[in-house]
N, C-alpha and C. Protein backbone atom coordinates (compact mmCIF):
# COMPACT_ATOMS: atom_id res chain seq x y z
N MET A 1 10.76 -15.70 6.41
CA MET A 1 9.52 -14.60 6.48
C MET A 1 9.26 -15.20 5.21
N ASN A 2 7.75 -15.02 5.07
CA ASN A 2 6.49 -15.28 3.55
C ASN A 2 6.87 -13.97 3.13
N LEU A 3 7.30 -14.08 1.96
CA LEU A 3 7.46 -12.28 1.37
C LEU A 3 5.85 -12.28 -0.21
N LEU A 4 5.27 -11.65 -0.17
CA LEU A 4 4.40 -11.59 -1.17
C LEU A 4 4.88 -11.72 -2.28
N PRO A 5 3.93 -13.11 -3.06
CA PRO A 5 4.61 -13.86 -4.02
C PRO A 5 4.85 -12.62 -5.54
N ASN A 6 6.08 -12.71 -6.05
CA ASN A 6 6.63 -12.25 -6.99
C ASN A 6 6.67 -10.51 -7.09
N PHE A 7 7.09 -9.77 -5.34
CA PHE A 7 6.77 -9.26 -4.90
C PHE A 7 7.77 -8.15 -5.91
N GLU A 8 8.29 -8.59 -6.76
CA GLU A 8 9.57 -7.73 -7.58
C GLU A 8 8.95 -7.32 -9.02
N LYS A 9 7.90 -7.97 -8.86
CA LYS A 9 7.63 -7.45 -10.29
C LYS A 9 5.95 -6.58 -10.12
N ALA A 10 5.46 -6.69 -8.81
CA ALA A 10 4.10 -6.00 -8.43
C ALA A 10 3.98 -4.23 -8.99
N ILE A 11 2.77 -4.57 -9.57
CA ILE A 11 1.98 -3.49 -10.43
C ILE A 11 2.02 -2.37 -8.77
N ILE A 12 1.77 -1.45 -8.35
CA ILE A 12 1.32 -0.33 -7.90
C ILE A 12 0.89 1.32 -8.83
N PRO A 13 -0.90 1.11 -8.81
CA PRO A 13 -1.15 1.54 -10.48
C PRO A 13 -0.97 2.85 -8.88
N ARG A 14 -0.73 3.96 -10.11
CA ARG A 14 0.21 4.96 -9.71
C ARG A 14 -2.09 5.92 -9.99
N GLU A 15 -2.77 6.07 -9.71
CA GLU A 15 -3.72 6.25 -10.19
C GLU A 15 -4.74 5.67 -8.95
N LYS A 16 -3.93 4.39 -8.06
CA LYS A 16 -5.31 4.06 -6.97
C LYS A 16 -4.49 5.41 -5.77
N PHE A 17 -3.33 6.55 -6.20
CA PHE A 17 -2.92 6.69 -5.61
C PHE A 17 -3.50 8.87 -5.50
N THR A 18 -3.72 8.84 -6.74
CA THR A 18 -3.79 9.87 -7.16
C THR A 18 -4.60 10.64 -7.23
N GLU A 19 -6.04 9.62 -7.68
CA GLU A 19 -7.22 9.70 -7.88
C GLU A 19 -8.08 8.98 -6.64
N TYR A 20 -7.07 8.33 -5.65
CA TYR A 20 -7.62 8.18 -4.51
C TYR A 20 -7.77 8.29 -3.36
N ILE A 21 -6.37 7.56 -3.09
CA ILE A 21 -6.11 7.21 -1.48
C ILE A 21 -5.49 8.82 -0.63
N LEU A 22 -4.93 9.58 -2.06
CA LEU A 22 -4.24 10.72 -1.55
C LEU A 22 -4.53 11.80 -2.29
N HIS A 23 -6.53 11.52 -2.46
CA HIS A 23 -6.72 13.19 -3.07
C HIS A 23 -8.03 13.42 -2.34
N PRO A 24 -7.83 14.46 -1.87
CA PRO A 24 -8.29 15.66 -0.60
C PRO A 24 -9.56 15.45 -0.80
N ILE A 25 -10.58 15.49 -1.86
CA ILE A 25 -11.44 15.48 -1.56
C ILE A 25 -12.18 13.52 -1.70
N LYS A 26 -11.79 12.89 -2.60
CA LYS A 26 -12.34 12.00 -3.45
C LYS A 26 -12.50 10.20 -1.86
N SER A 27 -11.26 10.94 -0.64
CA SER A 27 -11.27 10.22 0.12
C SER A 27 -10.08 10.60 1.14
N ARG A 28 -11.32 11.74 1.81
CA ARG A 28 -10.58 12.88 3.02
C ARG A 28 -10.13 11.82 3.85
N GLY A 29 -10.62 11.21 4.51
CA GLY A 29 -10.03 9.99 5.54
C GLY A 29 -8.70 9.43 5.13
N LYS A 30 -8.86 8.57 3.93
CA LYS A 30 -6.95 7.92 3.82
C LYS A 30 -6.35 9.14 3.77
N TRP A 31 -6.65 10.04 2.74
CA TRP A 31 -6.10 11.37 2.41
C TRP A 31 -5.25 12.03 4.18
N LEU A 32 -6.49 12.52 4.91
CA LEU A 32 -5.59 13.18 6.49
C LEU A 32 -4.18 12.33 7.15
N ALA A 33 -5.09 10.81 6.80
CA ALA A 33 -3.32 10.14 8.06
C ALA A 33 -2.75 10.19 7.00
N PHE A 34 -2.97 10.49 5.77
CA PHE A 34 -1.16 10.14 5.43
C PHE A 34 -0.83 11.19 5.42
N ARG A 35 -1.65 12.17 5.29
CA ARG A 35 -1.18 13.28 5.51
C ARG A 35 -0.49 13.83 6.58
N SER A 36 -1.16 13.49 7.47
CA SER A 36 -0.14 13.92 9.09
C SER A 36 0.60 12.85 9.92
N ALA A 37 -0.32 11.07 10.09
CA ALA A 37 1.36 10.49 10.19
C ALA A 37 2.38 10.51 9.35
N LEU A 38 2.74 10.86 7.90
CA LEU A 38 3.49 10.65 7.16
C LEU A 38 4.69 11.44 6.13
N GLY A 39 3.41 12.81 6.18
CA GLY A 39 4.01 13.97 5.06
C GLY A 39 3.22 13.93 3.55
N TYR A 40 2.25 11.92 3.59
CA TYR A 40 2.72 12.82 2.42
C TYR A 40 0.87 12.86 1.64
N HIS A 41 0.58 14.33 0.45
CA HIS A 41 0.09 14.23 -0.01
C HIS A 41 0.08 14.27 -1.85
N LEU A 42 -0.96 14.71 -2.56
CA LEU A 42 -0.65 14.62 -3.60
C LEU A 42 0.18 14.68 -4.58
N ASP A 43 1.23 15.44 -4.40
CA ASP A 43 2.04 15.74 -4.97
C ASP A 43 3.15 14.65 -4.91
N SER A 44 3.41 13.96 -3.57
CA SER A 44 4.28 13.50 -3.43
C SER A 44 3.60 11.60 -3.22
N ALA A 45 2.19 11.65 -4.08
CA ALA A 45 2.43 10.47 -4.60
C ALA A 45 3.13 9.29 -4.90
N ASP A 46 4.11 9.58 -5.95
CA ASP A 46 5.50 8.49 -6.34
C ASP A 46 6.09 8.62 -5.17
N MET A 47 6.27 9.58 -4.52
CA MET A 47 7.47 9.21 -3.27
C MET A 47 6.62 7.60 -2.48
N LEU A 48 5.23 7.88 -1.52
CA LEU A 48 4.69 7.03 -1.02
C LEU A 48 5.42 5.60 -2.27
N ILE A 49 4.54 6.02 -4.00
CA ILE A 49 4.50 3.92 -4.47
C ILE A 49 5.97 3.77 -3.58
N ASP A 50 7.38 4.74 -3.97
CA ASP A 50 8.03 4.47 -4.41
C ASP A 50 8.72 3.46 -2.87
N SER A 51 8.46 4.31 -1.82
CA SER A 51 8.30 3.34 -0.84
C SER A 51 7.77 1.95 -0.29
N ILE A 52 6.54 1.81 -0.56
CA ILE A 52 6.32 0.88 -0.45
C ILE A 52 6.82 -0.06 -1.30
N ARG A 53 7.33 0.32 -2.26
CA ARG A 53 7.90 -0.61 -3.51
C ARG A 53 9.01 -1.33 -2.47
N GLY A 54 9.86 0.03 -2.60
CA GLY A 54 11.08 -0.59 -1.87
C GLY A 54 10.84 -1.42 -0.21
N ASN A 55 9.67 -1.49 -0.17
CA ASN A 55 10.25 -1.78 1.48
C ASN A 55 9.08 -3.49 1.46
N LEU A 56 8.72 -3.81 0.28
CA LEU A 56 7.95 -5.16 -0.02
C LEU A 56 9.04 -6.72 0.70
N ALA A 57 10.35 -6.35 0.27
CA ALA A 57 10.53 -7.61 0.93
C ALA A 57 11.10 -6.93 2.07
N ASN A 58 10.90 -6.64 3.23
CA ASN A 58 11.54 -6.21 4.42
C ASN A 58 10.11 -6.63 5.60
N PHE A 59 9.02 -6.81 4.82
CA PHE A 59 7.51 -7.24 5.08
C PHE A 59 6.77 -8.61 5.07
N SER A 60 6.36 -9.41 5.91
CA SER A 60 6.53 -10.66 5.78
C SER A 60 4.41 -10.38 5.25
N VAL A 61 3.84 -11.34 4.35
CA VAL A 61 2.43 -11.19 3.75
C VAL A 61 2.13 -12.54 4.77
N GLU A 62 0.77 -11.79 4.81
CA GLU A 62 -0.21 -12.26 5.27
C GLU A 62 -1.76 -12.96 3.69
N SER A 63 -1.57 -14.44 4.09
CA SER A 63 -2.34 -14.55 3.04
C SER A 63 -3.87 -14.38 3.21
N MET A 64 -4.81 -14.20 2.73
CA MET A 64 -6.19 -13.93 3.28
C MET A 64 -7.49 -14.03 1.92
N GLY A 65 -6.53 -15.07 1.63
CA GLY A 65 -7.92 -16.22 0.78
C GLY A 65 -8.05 -15.87 -0.44
N ASN A 66 -9.04 -16.42 -1.19
CA ASN A 66 -9.58 -15.86 -2.71
C ASN A 66 -10.73 -15.59 -2.88
N LYS A 67 -11.23 -14.72 -2.59
CA LYS A 67 -12.21 -14.30 -2.77
C LYS A 67 -13.20 -14.33 -4.42
N GLY A 68 -12.59 -15.19 -5.04
CA GLY A 68 -13.02 -15.35 -5.96
C GLY A 68 -12.20 -14.79 -7.42
N TYR A 69 -11.94 -13.81 -6.69
CA TYR A 69 -10.91 -12.97 -8.17
C TYR A 69 -9.51 -13.14 -8.10
N GLY A 70 -8.82 -14.22 -7.33
CA GLY A 70 -7.11 -14.28 -6.75
C GLY A 70 -7.39 -14.20 -5.67
N GLU A 71 -6.09 -14.65 -5.68
CA GLU A 71 -5.57 -14.88 -4.22
C GLU A 71 -5.28 -13.65 -3.64
N THR A 72 -6.18 -13.14 -2.05
CA THR A 72 -5.68 -11.66 -2.10
C THR A 72 -4.22 -12.00 -0.75
N TYR A 73 -4.04 -10.82 -0.45
CA TYR A 73 -2.76 -10.74 0.40
C TYR A 73 -2.81 -9.05 1.32
N ALA A 74 -1.97 -9.33 2.34
CA ALA A 74 -1.74 -8.24 3.26
C ALA A 74 -0.82 -8.18 3.36
N VAL A 75 0.23 -6.86 3.33
CA VAL A 75 1.13 -6.85 3.84
C VAL A 75 1.32 -5.27 4.67
N LEU A 76 1.83 -5.61 6.23
CA LEU A 76 1.35 -4.24 6.90
C LEU A 76 3.17 -3.97 6.78
N MET A 77 3.53 -3.17 6.93
CA MET A 77 5.07 -2.13 6.84
C MET A 77 5.46 -0.64 7.74
N GLU A 78 6.15 -0.69 7.95
CA GLU A 78 6.96 0.56 8.75
C GLU A 78 7.60 1.16 8.31
N LEU A 79 6.16 1.95 7.40
CA LEU A 79 7.40 3.61 6.81
C LEU A 79 7.75 4.41 7.73
N GLU A 80 8.94 5.11 7.04
CA GLU A 80 9.12 6.28 7.17
C GLU A 80 8.16 7.55 6.38
N GLY A 81 7.61 8.55 6.29
CA GLY A 81 7.41 9.91 5.71
C GLY A 81 8.51 10.85 5.21
N PRO A 82 7.96 11.38 4.48
CA PRO A 82 8.40 12.68 4.36
C PRO A 82 8.83 13.99 5.45
N ASN A 83 7.93 13.77 5.82
CA ASN A 83 8.75 14.26 7.93
C ASN A 83 8.90 14.10 8.96
N GLY A 84 9.46 12.73 8.27
CA GLY A 84 10.51 11.89 9.11
C GLY A 84 9.99 11.06 10.18
N ARG A 85 8.72 10.97 10.25
CA ARG A 85 7.90 10.35 11.06
C ARG A 85 7.96 8.95 10.95
N THR A 86 7.97 7.91 11.72
CA THR A 86 7.04 6.44 11.34
C THR A 86 5.73 6.25 10.85
N ALA A 87 4.94 5.46 10.34
CA ALA A 87 3.83 4.99 10.89
C ALA A 87 3.88 3.65 10.29
N HIS A 88 2.93 2.65 10.77
CA HIS A 88 1.86 1.39 10.58
C HIS A 88 1.06 1.68 8.83
N VAL A 89 1.29 1.44 7.89
CA VAL A 89 0.80 1.01 6.49
C VAL A 89 0.68 -0.08 6.16
N MET A 90 -1.06 -0.56 6.43
CA MET A 90 -1.05 -1.57 5.77
C MET A 90 -1.33 -1.65 4.12
N THR A 91 -0.74 -2.16 3.95
CA THR A 91 -1.14 -2.80 1.91
C THR A 91 -1.89 -4.02 2.10
N ALA A 92 -3.14 -3.60 0.75
CA ALA A 92 -3.65 -4.86 0.37
C ALA A 92 -3.23 -5.02 -1.34
N TRP A 93 -4.10 -6.61 -1.08
CA TRP A 93 -3.38 -7.16 -2.70
C TRP A 93 -3.81 -8.02 -3.24
N ILE A 94 -4.14 -7.98 -4.41
CA ILE A 94 -4.55 -9.25 -4.94
C ILE A 94 -3.52 -9.65 -6.49
N ASP A 95 -3.52 -11.14 -6.57
CA ASP A 95 -2.48 -11.77 -7.65
C ASP A 95 -3.92 -12.28 -8.47
N ASP A 96 -4.45 -10.73 -9.27
CA ASP A 96 -5.08 -11.01 -10.34
C ASP A 96 -5.00 -11.73 -11.84
N ARG A 97 -6.25 -12.82 -11.70
CA ARG A 97 -6.19 -13.30 -12.69
C ARG A 97 -6.06 -13.03 -13.95
N ILE A 98 -7.13 -11.40 -14.31
CA ILE A 98 -7.07 -10.95 -15.27
C ILE A 98 -5.43 -10.50 -16.01
N SER A 99 -4.68 -9.37 -14.97
CA SER A 99 -3.54 -8.88 -15.81
C SER A 99 -2.70 -9.52 -15.66
N GLY A 100 -2.78 -11.01 -14.89
CA GLY A 100 -1.39 -11.55 -14.00
C GLY A 100 -0.18 -11.87 -13.15
N GLY A 101 -0.86 -10.50 -12.27
CA GLY A 101 -0.05 -10.41 -11.30
C GLY A 101 -0.11 -10.13 -10.14
N ILE A 102 1.14 -9.62 -8.98
CA ILE A 102 0.38 -9.18 -7.93
C ILE A 102 0.13 -7.85 -8.23
N ARG A 103 -0.53 -6.88 -7.85
CA ARG A 103 -1.34 -5.96 -7.92
C ARG A 103 -1.81 -5.03 -6.80
N LEU A 104 -1.76 -4.33 -6.19
CA LEU A 104 -1.92 -3.52 -4.92
C LEU A 104 -3.32 -3.12 -4.99
N VAL A 105 -4.07 -3.33 -3.94
CA VAL A 105 -5.79 -2.81 -4.28
C VAL A 105 -6.00 -1.01 -3.22
N SER A 106 -5.24 -1.86 -1.96
CA SER A 106 -5.09 -0.67 -1.45
C SER A 106 -4.11 -0.15 -0.30
N ALA A 107 -4.45 0.62 0.02
CA ALA A 107 -3.30 1.10 1.16
C ALA A 107 -3.72 2.24 2.27
N TYR A 108 -3.80 1.46 3.68
CA TYR A 108 -4.33 3.05 4.71
C TYR A 108 -3.50 2.62 5.84
N ILE A 109 -3.27 3.83 6.31
CA ILE A 109 -2.31 3.53 7.90
C ILE A 109 -3.81 3.23 8.58
N LYS A 110 -2.69 2.43 9.70
CA LYS A 110 -3.14 1.63 9.95
C LYS A 110 -2.26 2.04 12.53
N THR A 111 -3.79 2.11 12.48
CA THR A 111 -3.68 3.55 13.75
C THR A 111 -2.80 2.43 14.65
N ARG A 112 -2.84 0.80 14.44
CA ARG A 112 -3.00 0.08 15.48
C ARG A 112 -1.97 -1.01 15.15
N LYS A 113 -1.19 -2.03 15.52
CA LYS A 113 -0.76 -3.29 14.94
C LYS A 113 -1.55 -3.96 15.52
N GLY A 114 -2.14 -4.69 14.86
CA GLY A 114 -2.20 -6.11 15.67
C GLY A 114 -3.26 -6.56 15.60
């Protein structure tokens, strides 16, 4: 199984979740999806981050190429949320030339696998 390069040192900005993905006003669609599918909300951002980080070694990575800012990757993982349900979560990553590390750029609930 191919894993995200340097996943052990992956940078997952908390602000990506608290100021966007799980924010009910700034990203209503993603907020609703994470809330209804897995039970995550703004106050449980750290739990979601920990779940993503803890599952990087369990799912294969797909290379998405270099779009000029660094190599990009996607990891589709199945996560269990605080509500006890599971869902497919797509995570997008970049091997950022500026920061010099693998950094999460997006995460969303994927309603269909494939």
